[in-house]
Protein backbone atom coordinates (compact mmCIF):
# COMPACT_ATOMS: atom_id res chain seq x y z
CA UNK A 1 -37.28 15.80 -68.92
CA UNK A 2 -34.52 13.77 -69.81
CA UNK A 3 -34.52 9.83 -69.51
CA UNK A 4 -32.13 9.86 -66.48
CA UNK A 5 -34.28 12.10 -64.57
CA UNK A 6 -37.74 10.51 -65.71
CA UNK A 7 -36.17 6.90 -64.32
CA UNK A 8 -35.83 8.36 -60.76
CA UNK A 9 -39.05 9.97 -60.54
CA UNK A 10 -41.80 7.33 -59.37
CA UNK A 11 -44.47 7.08 -61.89
CA UNK A 12 -47.25 6.62 -59.53
CA UNK A 13 -48.57 7.81 -56.34
CA UNK A 14 -48.58 4.30 -55.15
CA UNK A 15 -44.70 4.06 -55.65
CA UNK A 16 -44.25 7.53 -53.86
CA UNK A 17 -46.15 6.04 -50.99
CA UNK A 18 -43.96 2.96 -50.96
CA UNK A 19 -40.81 5.02 -51.28
CA UNK A 20 -42.25 7.40 -48.40
CA UNK A 21 -42.90 4.21 -46.03
CA UNK A 22 -39.43 2.75 -46.81
CA UNK A 23 -37.60 6.22 -45.76
CA UNK A 24 -39.69 6.24 -42.72
CA UNK A 25 -38.70 2.75 -41.76
CA UNK A 26 -35.04 3.94 -42.58
CA UNK A 27 -35.38 7.01 -40.74
CA UNK A 28 -36.85 5.10 -37.53
CA UNK A 29 -33.97 2.62 -37.97
CA UNK A 30 -31.25 5.30 -38.20
CA UNK A 31 -33.03 7.03 -35.28
CA UNK A 32 -32.90 3.89 -33.07
CA UNK A 33 -29.06 3.13 -34.11
CA UNK A 34 -28.29 6.93 -33.16
CA UNK A 35 -29.88 6.55 -30.08
CA UNK A 36 -28.07 3.53 -28.98
CA UNK A 37 -24.82 4.96 -30.22
CA UNK A 38 -25.38 7.99 -28.08
CA UNK A 39 -26.04 5.99 -24.98
CA UNK A 40 -22.86 3.90 -25.71
CA UNK A 41 -21.07 7.05 -26.35
CA UNK A 42 -22.08 8.40 -22.88
CA UNK A 43 -20.82 5.26 -21.15
CA UNK A 44 -17.56 5.33 -22.92
CA UNK A 45 -17.11 9.02 -22.11
CA UNK A 46 -17.90 8.04 -18.45
CA UNK A 47 -15.36 5.37 -18.59
CA UNK A 48 -12.67 7.41 -19.77
CA UNK A 49 -13.55 10.26 -17.41
CA UNK A 50 -13.27 7.49 -14.49
CA UNK A 51 -10.34 6.16 -15.79
CA UNK A 52 -8.43 9.67 -15.85
CA UNK A 53 -9.61 10.41 -12.46
CA UNK A 54 -8.30 7.11 -11.23
CA UNK A 55 -4.88 7.83 -12.85
CA UNK A 56 -4.84 11.04 -11.26
CA UNK A 57 -5.64 9.51 -7.97
CA UNK A 58 -3.05 6.90 -8.27
CA UNK A 59 -0.32 9.43 -9.24
CA UNK A 60 -1.20 11.22 -6.09
CA UNK A 61 -1.13 8.04 -3.91
CA UNK A 62 2.26 7.01 -5.47
CA UNK A 63 3.87 10.63 -4.63
CA UNK A 64 2.61 10.30 -1.16
CA UNK A 65 3.89 6.61 -0.92
CA UNK A 66 7.53 7.92 -2.04
CA UNK A 67 7.31 10.92 0.17
CA UNK A 68 6.44 8.58 3.35
CA UNK A 69 9.03 5.89 2.34
CA UNK A 70 11.83 8.87 2.25
CA UNK A 71 10.60 10.38 5.54
CA UNK A 72 10.45 6.53 7.08
CA UNK A 73 14.11 5.97 5.68
CA UNK A 74 15.39 9.34 7.09
CA UNK A 75 14.02 8.70 10.62
CA UNK A 76 15.47 5.17 10.49
CA UNK A 77 18.91 6.58 9.72
CA UNK A 78 18.38 9.35 12.47
CA UNK A 79 17.62 6.53 15.01
CA UNK A 80 20.35 4.14 14.05
CA UNK A 81 23.02 5.74 16.36
CA UNK A 82 20.61 5.32 19.21
CA UNK A 83 19.69 1.79 18.48
CA UNK A 84 23.14 0.73 17.99
CA UNK A 85 24.33 2.64 21.29
CA UNK A 86 21.42 0.82 22.77
CA UNK A 87 22.72 -2.60 21.50
CA UNK A 88 26.26 -1.78 22.93
CA UNK A 89 24.82 -0.70 26.24
CA UNK A 90 22.76 -3.80 26.73
CA UNK A 91 25.92 -5.94 25.78
CA UNK A 92 27.72 -3.96 28.26
CA UNK A 93 25.29 -4.14 31.23
CA UNK A 94 24.64 -8.03 30.57
CA UNK A 95 28.51 -8.40 31.02
CA UNK A 96 28.55 -6.29 34.06
CA UNK A 97 25.83 -8.02 35.40
CA UNK A 98 27.58 -11.31 34.85
CA UNK A 99 30.90 -9.91 36.47
CA UNK A 100 28.67 -8.57 39.47
CA UNK A 101 27.18 -12.04 39.98
CA UNK A 102 30.83 -13.68 39.79
CA UNK A 103 31.68 -10.96 42.21
CA UNK A 104 29.09 -11.81 44.64
CA UNK A 105 29.81 -15.35 44.46
CA UNK A 106 33.72 -14.81 45.22
CA UNK A 107 32.68 -12.23 47.93
CA UNK A 108 30.13 -15.02 49.40
CA UNK A 109 32.98 -17.67 49.13
CA UNK A 110 35.31 -15.27 51.07
CA UNK A 111 32.60 -14.81 53.76
CA UNK A 112 32.06 -18.58 54.04
CA UNK A 113 35.71 -19.08 54.24
CA UNK A 114 36.20 -16.56 57.03
CA UNK A 115 33.44 -17.79 59.20
CA UNK A 116 34.81 -21.36 58.68
CA UNK A 117 38.24 -20.02 59.88
CA UNK A 118 36.66 -18.06 62.75
CA UNK A 119 34.71 -21.36 63.55
CA UNK A 120 37.94 -23.20 63.48
CA UNK A 121 39.79 -20.66 65.68
CA UNK A 122 37.04 -20.63 68.34
CA UNK A 123 36.95 -24.23 68.41
CA UNK A 124 40.81 -24.54 68.86
CA UNK A 125 40.43 -21.69 71.48
CA UNK A 126 37.84 -23.70 73.54
CA UNK A 127 40.35 -26.85 73.34
CA UNK A 128 43.16 -25.24 74.53
């Protein structure tokens, strides 16, 4: 054996036991680290899956929101002539109502004047 290969071979059984013990501890430590990292990897994978699912749901909701907004805008535009027409009708009816009240007042004034005139005529007839 060469000197380099002799240096790597432990020279006693006790040395081999210590080396084996060190490897056992190293393997146990590496297995524990691997278990922790595997668990963390599962958590990260689940988080990524959840995020992708939420992104897909958000995309669906965004599309639905845009569709409903467009439908609402179209419905508002379709109803606008009716709303505008109703507003004009309300203005017309209110002004007509005012004219009607004024007409009733004028009519009542004429009726009152006619009654007064009739009463004056009857009074002057009774005197004469």
